[in-house]
PDB file of N, CA and C in Angstrom:
ATOM      1  N   MET A   1     -15.144  56.430  57.090  1.00  0.00           N
ATOM      2  CA  MET A   1     -13.693  56.760  56.620  1.00  0.00           C
ATOM      3  C   MET A   1     -12.778  56.515  57.853  1.00  0.00           C
ATOM      4  N   SER A   2     -11.658  55.925  57.613  1.00  0.00           N
ATOM      5  CA  SER A   2     -10.700  55.586  58.608  1.00  0.00           C
ATOM      6  C   SER A   2      -9.957  56.856  59.078  1.00  0.00           C
ATOM      7  N   ALA A   3      -9.322  56.882  60.157  1.00  0.00           N
ATOM      8  CA  ALA A   3      -8.534  58.028  60.704  1.00  0.00           C
ATOM      9  C   ALA A   3      -7.412  58.294  59.675  1.00  0.00           C
ATOM     10  N   ASN A   4      -6.730  57.216  59.106  1.00  0.00           N
ATOM     11  CA  ASN A   4      -5.640  57.439  58.178  1.00  0.00           C
ATOM     12  C   ASN A   4      -6.118  58.089  56.996  1.00  0.00           C
ATOM     13  N   ALA A   5      -7.234  57.587  56.391  1.00  0.00           N
ATOM     14  CA  ALA A   5      -7.809  58.164  55.118  1.00  0.00           C
ATOM     15  C   ALA A   5      -8.202  59.664  55.361  1.00  0.00           C
ATOM     16  N   SER A   6      -8.769  59.948  56.576  1.00  0.00           N
ATOM     17  CA  SER A   6      -9.202  61.377  56.875  1.00  0.00           C
ATOM     18  C   SER A   6      -7.955  62.191  56.963  1.00  0.00           C
ATOM     19  N   ALA A   7      -6.898  61.789  57.568  1.00  0.00           N
ATOM     20  CA  ALA A   7      -5.596  62.495  57.707  1.00  0.00           C
ATOM     21  C   ALA A   7      -5.159  62.808  56.327  1.00  0.00           C
ATOM     22  N   GLN A   8      -5.102  61.854  55.432  1.00  0.00           N
ATOM     23  CA  GLN A   8      -4.672  61.966  54.023  1.00  0.00           C
ATOM     24  C   GLN A   8      -5.356  63.079  53.277  1.00  0.00           C
ATOM     25  N   THR A   9      -6.766  62.912  53.458  1.00  0.00           N
ATOM     26  CA  THR A   9      -7.643  63.983  52.718  1.00  0.00           C
ATOM     27  C   THR A   9      -7.396  65.312  53.252  1.00  0.00           C
ATOM     28  N   SER A  10      -7.206  65.534  54.585  1.00  0.00           N
ATOM     29  CA  SER A  10      -6.870  66.715  55.216  1.00  0.00           C
ATOM     30  C   SER A  10      -5.512  67.270  54.702  1.00  0.00           C
ATOM     31  N   ALA A  11      -4.524  66.396  54.577  1.00  0.00           N
ATOM     32  CA  ALA A  11      -3.282  66.811  53.956  1.00  0.00           C
ATOM     33  C   ALA A  11      -3.293  67.285  52.591  1.00  0.00           C
ATOM     34  N   GLN A  12      -4.069  66.482  51.769  1.00  0.00           N
ATOM     35  CA  GLN A  12      -4.258  66.796  50.442  1.00  0.00           C
ATOM     36  C   GLN A  12      -5.013  68.244  50.211  1.00  0.00           C
ATOM     37  N   THR A  13      -6.018  68.472  51.040  1.00  0.00           N
ATOM     38  CA  THR A  13      -6.776  69.678  51.016  1.00  0.00           C
ATOM     39  C   THR A  13      -5.755  70.903  51.424  1.00  0.00           C
ATOM     40  N   ALA A  14      -4.937  70.675  52.321  1.00  0.00           N
ATOM     41  CA  ALA A  14      -4.005  71.744  52.848  1.00  0.00           C
ATOM     42  C   ALA A  14      -3.032  71.945  51.713  1.00  0.00           C
ATOM     43  N   ASN A  15      -2.516  70.922  51.011  1.00  0.00           N
ATOM     44  CA  ASN A  15      -1.559  71.114  49.953  1.00  0.00           C
ATOM     45  C   ASN A  15      -2.212  71.881  48.826  1.00  0.00           C
ATOM     46  N   THR A  16      -3.478  71.520  48.501  1.00  0.00           N
ATOM     47  CA  THR A  16      -4.168  72.268  47.385  1.00  0.00           C
ATOM     48  C   THR A  16      -4.314  73.701  47.673  1.00  0.00           C
ATOM     49  N   ALA A  17      -4.612  74.007  48.990  1.00  0.00           N
ATOM     50  CA  ALA A  17      -4.891  75.455  49.458  1.00  0.00           C
ATOM     51  C   ALA A  17      -3.537  76.235  49.347  1.00  0.00           C
ATOM     52  N   GLN A  18      -2.373  75.478  49.853  1.00  0.00           N
ATOM     53  CA  GLN A  18      -1.106  76.150  49.756  1.00  0.00           C
ATOM     54  C   GLN A  18      -0.675  76.482  48.254  1.00  0.00           C
ATOM     55  N   THR A  19      -0.921  75.581  47.427  1.00  0.00           N
ATOM     56  CA  THR A  19      -0.670  75.749  46.053  1.00  0.00           C
ATOM     57  C   THR A  19      -1.451  76.866  45.425  1.00  0.00           C
ATOM     58  N   ALA A  20      -2.761  76.949  45.755  1.00  0.00           N
ATOM     59  CA  ALA A  20      -3.585  77.947  45.285  1.00  0.00           C
ATOM     60  C   ALA A  20      -3.050  79.325  45.785  1.00  0.00           C
ATOM     61  N   ALA A  21      -2.672  79.414  47.034  1.00  0.00           N
ATOM     62  CA  ALA A  21      -2.220  80.659  47.603  1.00  0.00           C
ATOM     63  C   ALA A  21      -0.936  81.057  46.953  1.00  0.00           C
ATOM     64  N   ALA A  22      -0.089  80.153  46.697  1.00  0.00           N
ATOM     65  CA  ALA A  22       1.287  80.508  46.098  1.00  0.00           C
ATOM     66  C   ALA A  22       0.999  80.931  44.639  1.00  0.00           C
ATOM     67  N   SER A  23       0.059  80.382  43.902  1.00  0.00           N
ATOM     68  CA  SER A  23      -0.317  80.834  42.569  1.00  0.00           C
ATOM     69  C   SER A  23      -0.826  82.217  42.604  1.00  0.00           C
ATOM     70  N   GLU A  24      -1.695  82.604  43.592  1.00  0.00           N
ATOM     71  CA  GLU A  24      -2.048  84.050  43.741  1.00  0.00           C
ATOM     72  C   GLU A  24      -0.993  84.951  44.034  1.00  0.00           C
ATOM     73  N   ALA A  25      -0.142  84.548  44.811  1.00  0.00           N
ATOM     74  CA  ALA A  25       0.972  85.392  45.272  1.00  0.00           C
ATOM     75  C   ALA A  25       2.051  85.624  44.239  1.00  0.00           C
ATOM     76  N   ASN A  26       2.180  84.617  43.321  1.00  0.00           N
ATOM     77  CA  ASN A  26       3.181  84.670  42.192  1.00  0.00           C
ATOM     78  C   ASN A  26       2.415  84.216  40.899  1.00  0.00           C
ATOM     79  N   PRO A  27       1.624  85.101  40.365  1.00  0.00           N
ATOM     80  CA  PRO A  27       0.808  84.825  39.186  1.00  0.00           C
ATOM     81  C   PRO A  27       1.821  84.539  38.011  1.00  0.00           C
ATOM     82  N   ALA A  28       1.334  83.615  37.165  1.00  0.00           N
ATOM     83  CA  ALA A  28       2.157  83.254  35.980  1.00  0.00           C
ATOM     84  C   ALA A  28       2.123  84.354  34.978  1.00  0.00           C
ATOM     85  N   THR A  29       3.263  84.654  34.450  1.00  0.00           N
ATOM     86  CA  THR A  29       3.468  85.546  33.268  1.00  0.00           C
ATOM     87  C   THR A  29       3.616  84.740  32.021  1.00  0.00           C
ATOM     88  N   THR A  30       2.789  85.075  30.935  1.00  0.00           N
ATOM     89  CA  THR A  30       2.909  84.394  29.691  1.00  0.00           C
ATOM     90  C   THR A  30       3.827  85.082  28.775  1.00  0.00           C
ATOM     91  N   PHE A  31       4.586  84.288  28.253  1.00  0.00           N
ATOM     92  CA  PHE A  31       5.493  84.877  27.177  1.00  0.00           C
ATOM     93  C   PHE A  31       5.307  84.036  25.847  1.00  0.00           C
ATOM     94  N   PHE A  32       5.657  84.569  24.794  1.00  0.00           N
ATOM     95  CA  PHE A  32       5.530  83.945  23.471  1.00  0.00           C
ATOM     96  C   PHE A  32       6.887  83.922  22.826  1.00  0.00           C
ATOM     97  N   TYR A  33       7.090  82.724  22.169  1.00  0.00           N
ATOM     98  CA  TYR A  33       8.336  82.517  21.362  1.00  0.00           C
ATOM     99  C   TYR A  33       7.997  82.076  20.041  1.00  0.00           C
ATOM    100  N   VAL A  34       8.744  82.383  19.037  1.00  0.00           N
ATOM    101  CA  VAL A  34       8.653  81.912  17.738  1.00  0.00           C
ATOM    102  C   VAL A  34       9.758  80.909  17.477  1.00  0.00           C
ATOM    103  N   ILE A  35       9.365  79.666  17.146  1.00  0.00           N
ATOM    104  CA  ILE A  35      10.358  78.585  17.057  1.00  0.00           C
ATOM    105  C   ILE A  35      10.270  77.874  15.716  1.00  0.00           C
ATOM    106  N   GLY A  36      11.320  77.305  15.261  1.00  0.00           N
ATOM    107  CA  GLY A  36      11.220  76.596  13.877  1.00  0.00           C
ATOM    108  C   GLY A  36      12.520  76.676  13.232  1.00  0.00           C
ATOM    109  N   GLY A  37      12.493  76.504  11.957  1.00  0.00           N
ATOM    110  CA  GLY A  37      13.687  76.487  11.095  1.00  0.00           C
ATOM    111  C   GLY A  37      13.437  75.536   9.917  1.00  0.00           C
ATOM    112  N   GLU A  38      14.453  75.018   9.286  1.00  0.00           N
ATOM    113  CA  GLU A  38      14.422  74.165   8.138  1.00  0.00           C
ATOM    114  C   GLU A  38      14.319  72.704   8.584  1.00  0.00           C
ATOM    115  N   PHE A  39      13.406  71.967   8.037  1.00  0.00           N
ATOM    116  CA  PHE A  39      13.123  70.559   8.424  1.00  0.00           C
ATOM    117  C   PHE A  39      13.730  69.680   7.358  1.00  0.00           C
ATOM    118  N   THR A  40      14.049  68.452   7.683  1.00  0.00           N
ATOM    119  CA  THR A  40      14.597  67.481   6.707  1.00  0.00           C
ATOM    120  C   THR A  40      13.675  67.210   5.545  1.00  0.00           C
ATOM    121  N   ASP A  41      12.394  67.264   5.779  1.00  0.00           N
ATOM    122  CA  ASP A  41      11.364  67.037   4.633  1.00  0.00           C
ATOM    123  C   ASP A  41      10.047  67.727   5.109  1.00  0.00           C
ATOM    124  N   THR A  42       9.047  67.601   4.265  1.00  0.00           N
ATOM    125  CA  THR A  42       7.784  68.228   4.457  1.00  0.00           C
ATOM    126  C   THR A  42       6.872  67.548   5.390  1.00  0.00           C
ATOM    127  N   SER A  43       7.393  66.450   6.097  1.00  0.00           N
ATOM    128  CA  SER A  43       6.611  65.817   7.090  1.00  0.00           C
ATOM    129  C   SER A  43       6.739  66.704   8.489  1.00  0.00           C
ATOM    130  N   PHE A  44       7.741  67.551   8.423  1.00  0.00           N
ATOM    131  CA  PHE A  44       8.039  68.468   9.615  1.00  0.00           C
ATOM    132  C   PHE A  44       8.182  67.720  10.855  1.00  0.00           C
ATOM    133  N   GLU A  45       8.837  66.593  10.851  1.00  0.00           N
ATOM    134  CA  GLU A  45       9.057  65.836  12.096  1.00  0.00           C
ATOM    135  C   GLU A  45      10.501  66.038  12.655  1.00  0.00           C
ATOM    136  N   SER A  46      11.452  66.390  11.793  1.00  0.00           N
ATOM    137  CA  SER A  46      12.796  66.463  12.217  1.00  0.00           C
ATOM    138  C   SER A  46      13.445  67.711  11.639  1.00  0.00           C
ATOM    139  N   VAL A  47      13.861  68.669  12.560  1.00  0.00           N
ATOM    140  CA  VAL A  47      14.390  69.979  12.130  1.00  0.00           C
ATOM    141  C   VAL A  47      15.936  69.729  11.903  1.00  0.00           C
ATOM    142  N   LEU A  48      16.531  70.391  10.951  1.00  0.00           N
ATOM    143  CA  LEU A  48      17.857  70.370  10.757  1.00  0.00           C
ATOM    144  C   LEU A  48      18.517  71.054  11.862  1.00  0.00           C
ATOM    145  N   THR A  49      19.474  70.493  12.613  1.00  0.00           N
ATOM    146  CA  THR A  49      20.136  71.041  13.735  1.00  0.00           C
ATOM    147  C   THR A  49      20.686  72.434  13.491  1.00  0.00           C
ATOM    148  N   ARG A  50      21.313  72.661  12.404  1.00  0.00           N
ATOM    149  CA  ARG A  50      21.897  73.960  12.054  1.00  0.00           C
ATOM    150  C   ARG A  50      20.959  75.066  11.857  1.00  0.00           C
ATOM    151  N   SER A  51      19.667  74.729  11.576  1.00  0.00           N
ATOM    152  CA  SER A  51      18.754  75.772  11.255  1.00  0.00           C
ATOM    153  C   SER A  51      17.733  75.991  12.415  1.00  0.00           C
ATOM    154  N   ASN A  52      17.786  75.261  13.603  1.00  0.00           N
ATOM    155  CA  ASN A  52      16.961  75.410  14.726  1.00  0.00           C
ATOM    156  C   ASN A  52      16.982  76.844  15.221  1.00  0.00           C
ATOM    157  N   GLN A  53      15.822  77.463  15.333  1.00  0.00           N
ATOM    158  CA  GLN A  53      15.788  78.914  15.797  1.00  0.00           C
ATOM    159  C   GLN A  53      14.793  79.062  16.862  1.00  0.00           C
ATOM    160  N   ILE A  54      15.122  79.909  17.869  1.00  0.00           N
ATOM    161  CA  ILE A  54      14.155  80.364  18.846  1.00  0.00           C
ATOM    162  C   ILE A  54      14.272  81.885  18.955  1.00  0.00           C
ATOM    163  N   HIS A  55      13.172  82.591  18.776  1.00  0.00           N
ATOM    164  CA  HIS A  55      13.057  84.053  18.802  1.00  0.00           C
ATOM    165  C   HIS A  55      12.190  84.353  19.936  1.00  0.00           C
ATOM    166  N   GLY A  56      12.587  85.381  20.858  1.00  0.00           N
ATOM    167  CA  GLY A  56      11.736  85.781  21.903  1.00  0.00           C
ATOM    168  C   GLY A  56      12.537  85.904  23.289  1.00  0.00           C
ATOM    169  N   PRO A  57      11.927  86.073  24.202  1.00  0.00           N
ATOM    170  CA  PRO A  57      10.452  86.069  24.476  1.00  0.00           C
ATOM    171  C   PRO A  57       9.843  87.422  24.050  1.00  0.00           C
ATOM    172  N   PHE A  58       8.603  87.194  23.660  1.00  0.00           N
ATOM    173  CA  PHE A  58       7.586  88.377  23.394  1.00  0.00           C
ATOM    174  C   PHE A  58       6.686  88.513  24.384  1.00  0.00           C
ATOM    175  N   LYS A  59       6.241  89.708  24.860  1.00  0.00           N
ATOM    176  CA  LYS A  59       5.256  89.965  25.799  1.00  0.00           C
ATOM    177  C   LYS A  59       3.824  89.681  25.374  1.00  0.00           C
ATOM    178  N   THR A  60       3.697  89.956  24.062  1.00  0.00           N
ATOM    179  CA  THR A  60       2.263  89.732  23.512  1.00  0.00           C
ATOM    180  C   THR A  60       2.261  88.809  22.311  1.00  0.00           C
ATOM    181  N   HIS A  61       1.120  88.169  22.039  1.00  0.00           N
ATOM    182  CA  HIS A  61       0.996  87.271  20.980  1.00  0.00           C
ATOM    183  C   HIS A  61       1.191  88.149  19.558  1.00  0.00           C
ATOM    184  N   GLU A  62       0.743  89.320  19.597  1.00  0.00           N
ATOM    185  CA  GLU A  62       0.883  90.322  18.405  1.00  0.00           C
ATOM    186  C   GLU A  62       2.290  90.430  18.022  1.00  0.00           C
ATOM    187  N   GLU A  63       3.166  90.700  19.087  1.00  0.00           N
ATOM    188  CA  GLU A  63       4.603  90.843  18.785  1.00  0.00           C
ATOM    189  C   GLU A  63       5.201  89.510  18.203  1.00  0.00           C
ATOM    190  N   ALA A  64       4.836  88.440  18.766  1.00  0.00           N
ATOM    191  CA  ALA A  64       5.304  87.147  18.250  1.00  0.00           C
ATOM    192  C   ALA A  64       4.769  86.934  16.849  1.00  0.00           C
ATOM    193  N   LEU A  65       3.566  87.228  16.577  1.00  0.00           N
ATOM    194  CA  LEU A  65       2.967  87.110  15.293  1.00  0.00           C
ATOM    195  C   LEU A  65       3.706  87.847  14.272  1.00  0.00           C
ATOM    196  N   ASN A  66       4.083  89.127  14.556  1.00  0.00           N
ATOM    197  CA  ASN A  66       4.803  90.042  13.606  1.00  0.00           C
ATOM    198  C   ASN A  66       6.185  89.348  13.293  1.00  0.00           C
ATOM    199  N   LYS A  67       6.862  88.803  14.287  1.00  0.00           N
ATOM    200  CA  LYS A  67       8.146  88.057  14.117  1.00  0.00           C
ATOM    201  C   LYS A  67       7.858  86.849  13.196  1.00  0.00           C
ATOM    202  N   TRP A  68       6.828  86.055  13.533  1.00  0.00           N
ATOM    203  CA  TRP A  68       6.578  85.004  12.774  1.00  0.00           C
ATOM    204  C   TRP A  68       6.309  85.285  11.209  1.00  0.00           C
ATOM    205  N   ARG A  69       5.513  86.366  10.996  1.00  0.00           N
ATOM    206  CA  ARG A  69       5.262  86.766   9.693  1.00  0.00           C
ATOM    207  C   ARG A  69       6.597  87.138   8.864  1.00  0.00           C
ATOM    208  N   SER A  70       7.396  87.921   9.595  1.00  0.00           N
ATOM    209  CA  SER A  70       8.759  88.292   9.038  1.00  0.00           C
ATOM    210  C   SER A  70       9.515  87.132   8.713  1.00  0.00           C
ATOM    211  N   LEU A  71       9.688  86.211   9.544  1.00  0.00           N
ATOM    212  CA  LEU A  71      10.488  85.017   9.301  1.00  0.00           C
ATOM    213  C   LEU A  71       9.840  84.050   8.175  1.00  0.00           C
ATOM    214  N   SER A  72       8.547  83.921   8.244  1.00  0.00           N
ATOM    215  CA  SER A  72       7.928  83.086   7.314  1.00  0.00           C
ATOM    216  C   SER A  72       7.951  83.618   5.955  1.00  0.00           C
ATOM    217  N   PHE A  73       7.832  84.963   5.775  1.00  0.00           N
ATOM    218  CA  PHE A  73       7.831  85.540   4.501  1.00  0.00           C
ATOM    219  C   PHE A  73       9.194  85.669   3.826  1.00  0.00           C
ATOM    220  N   GLN A  74      10.218  85.552   4.644  1.00  0.00           N
ATOM    221  CA  GLN A  74      11.650  85.508   4.231  1.00  0.00           C
ATOM    222  C   GLN A  74      11.835  84.087   3.421  1.00  0.00           C
ATOM    223  N   GLU A  75      11.117  83.113   3.811  1.00  0.00           N
ATOM    224  CA  GLU A  75      11.328  81.724   3.364  1.00  0.00           C
ATOM    225  C   GLU A  75      10.302  81.132   2.498  1.00  0.00           C
ATOM    226  N   THR A  76       9.552  82.008   1.778  1.00  0.00           N
ATOM    227  CA  THR A  76       8.439  81.562   1.061  1.00  0.00           C
ATOM    228  C   THR A  76       8.907  80.609  -0.078  1.00  0.00           C
ATOM    229  N   GLY A  77      10.057  80.627  -0.517  1.00  0.00           N
ATOM    230  CA  GLY A  77      10.520  79.757  -1.615  1.00  0.00           C
ATOM    231  C   GLY A  77      10.924  78.316  -1.079  1.00  0.00           C
ATOM    232  N   ASN A  78      11.163  78.160   0.295  1.00  0.00           N
ATOM    233  CA  ASN A  78      11.407  76.903   0.797  1.00  0.00           C
ATOM    234  C   ASN A  78      10.430  76.182   1.545  1.00  0.00           C
ATOM    235  N   ALA A  79       9.827  75.079   0.936  1.00  0.00           N
ATOM    236  CA  ALA A  79       8.713  74.408   1.478  1.00  0.00           C
ATOM    237  C   ALA A  79       9.029  73.591   2.758  1.00  0.00           C
ATOM    238  N   GLN A  80      10.305  73.558   3.143  1.00  0.00           N
ATOM    239  CA  GLN A  80      10.776  72.770   4.227  1.00  0.00           C
ATOM    240  C   GLN A  80      10.934  73.611   5.511  1.00  0.00           C
ATOM    241  N   VAL A  81      10.725  74.875   5.419  1.00  0.00           N
ATOM    242  CA  VAL A  81      10.889  75.783   6.528  1.00  0.00           C
ATOM    243  C   VAL A  81       9.484  76.016   7.169  1.00  0.00           C
ATOM    244  N   ARG A  82       9.543  75.985   8.383  1.00  0.00           N
ATOM    245  CA  ARG A  82       8.222  76.179   9.166  1.00  0.00           C
ATOM    246  C   ARG A  82       8.570  76.897  10.521  1.00  0.00           C
ATOM    247  N   TYR A  83       7.736  77.822  10.942  1.00  0.00           N
ATOM    248  CA  TYR A  83       7.857  78.466  12.195  1.00  0.00           C
ATOM    249  C   TYR A  83       6.566  78.391  12.993  1.00  0.00           C
ATOM    250  N   GLU A  84       6.522  78.299  14.261  1.00  0.00           N
ATOM    251  CA  GLU A  84       5.316  78.244  15.039  1.00  0.00           C
ATOM    252  C   GLU A  84       5.430  79.270  16.212  1.00  0.00           C
ATOM    253  N   ILE A  85       4.409  79.587  16.814  1.00  0.00           N
ATOM    254  CA  ILE A  85       4.311  80.551  17.971  1.00  0.00           C
ATOM    255  C   ILE A  85       4.054  79.545  19.135  1.00  0.00           C
ATOM    256  N   ALA A  86       4.966  79.602  20.207  1.00  0.00           N
ATOM    257  CA  ALA A  86       4.773  78.821  21.353  1.00  0.00           C
ATOM    258  C   ALA A  86       4.425  79.729  22.533  1.00  0.00           C
ATOM    259  N   GLU A  87       3.351  79.402  23.342  1.00  0.00           N
ATOM    260  CA  GLU A  87       2.957  80.179  24.448  1.00  0.00           C
ATOM    261  C   GLU A  87       3.523  79.421  25.767  1.00  0.00           C
ATOM    262  N   VAL A  88       4.296  80.185  26.528  1.00  0.00           N
ATOM    263  CA  VAL A  88       4.919  79.593  27.704  1.00  0.00           C
ATOM    264  C   VAL A  88       4.501  80.348  28.977  1.00  0.00           C
ATOM    265  N   ALA A  89       3.902  79.861  29.948  1.00  0.00           N
ATOM    266  CA  ALA A  89       3.600  80.443  31.222  1.00  0.00           C
ATOM    267  C   ALA A  89       4.749  80.312  32.187  1.00  0.00           C
ATOM    268  N   HIS A  90       5.244  81.419  32.633  1.00  0.00           N
ATOM    269  CA  HIS A  90       6.453  81.407  33.492  1.00  0.00           C
ATOM    270  C   HIS A  90       6.019  81.960  34.888  1.00  0.00           C
ATOM    271  N   ARG A  91       6.183  81.314  35.928  1.00  0.00           N
ATOM    272  CA  ARG A  91       5.875  81.722  37.261  1.00  0.00           C
ATOM    273  C   ARG A  91       7.120  82.404  37.910  1.00  0.00           C
ATOM    274  N   MET A  92       6.895  83.672  38.202  1.00  0.00           N
ATOM    275  CA  MET A  92       8.035  84.574  38.809  1.00  0.00           C
ATOM    276  C   MET A  92       8.027  84.236  40.334  1.00  0.00           C
ATOM    277  N   ASP A  93       9.203  83.918  40.921  1.00  0.00           N
ATOM    278  CA  ASP A  93       9.268  83.785  42.328  1.00  0.00           C
ATOM    279  C   ASP A  93      10.577  84.538  42.790  1.00  0.00           C
ATOM    280  N   ARG A  94      10.734  84.700  43.995  1.00  0.00           N
ATOM    281  CA  ARG A  94      11.936  85.392  44.439  1.00  0.00           C
ATOM    282  C   ARG A  94      13.303  84.802  43.911  1.00  0.00           C
ATOM    283  N   ARG A  95      13.307  83.575  43.836  1.00  0.00           N
ATOM    284  CA  ARG A  95      14.577  82.835  43.334  1.00  0.00           C
ATOM    285  C   ARG A  95      14.745  83.257  41.892  1.00  0.00           C
ATOM    286  N   THR A  96      13.620  83.133  41.047  1.00  0.00           N
ATOM    287  CA  THR A  96      13.737  83.481  39.646  1.00  0.00           C
ATOM    288  C   THR A  96      14.294  84.907  39.485  1.00  0.00           C
ATOM    289  N   ILE A  97      13.774  85.826  40.279  1.00  0.00           N
ATOM    290  CA  ILE A  97      14.115  87.263  40.161  1.00  0.00           C
ATOM    291  C   ILE A  97      15.649  87.449  40.518  1.00  0.00           C
ATOM    292  N   LEU A  98      16.072  86.797  41.595  1.00  0.00           N
ATOM    293  CA  LEU A  98      17.431  86.895  42.047  1.00  0.00           C
ATOM    294  C   LEU A  98      18.499  86.340  40.979  1.00  0.00           C
ATOM    295  N   LEU A  99      18.023  85.165  40.344  1.00  0.00           N
ATOM    296  CA  LEU A  99      18.838  84.554  39.461  1.00  0.00           C
ATOM    297  C   LEU A  99      18.795  85.097  38.052  1.00  0.00           C
ATOM    298  N   GLY A 100      17.600  85.735  37.810  1.00  0.00           N
ATOM    299  CA  GLY A 100      17.213  86.170  36.427  1.00  0.00           C
ATOM    300  C   GLY A 100      18.204  86.987  35.849  1.00  0.00           C
TER     301      GLY A 100
END
């Protein structure tokens, strides 16, 4: 292994260790959102802009599921309405807290 390749490997190892340490210091918090609305047709590829909805964040999947049920059962007569639960990992850091 050349000196240059060895230096690159050492730098990559150091970056990996720094990233791991940062992840442990600022663990990701998972939030859940209910997203959806009325789509143009039942292929569910294009949502109507006026009906686009985002509900949340919810701290637990169960809370999001309850909201999903509520929204879904309100629209049982419209086959073009669909909602999904999205899970989002959000890493809190000092900047996020200050701006939050």
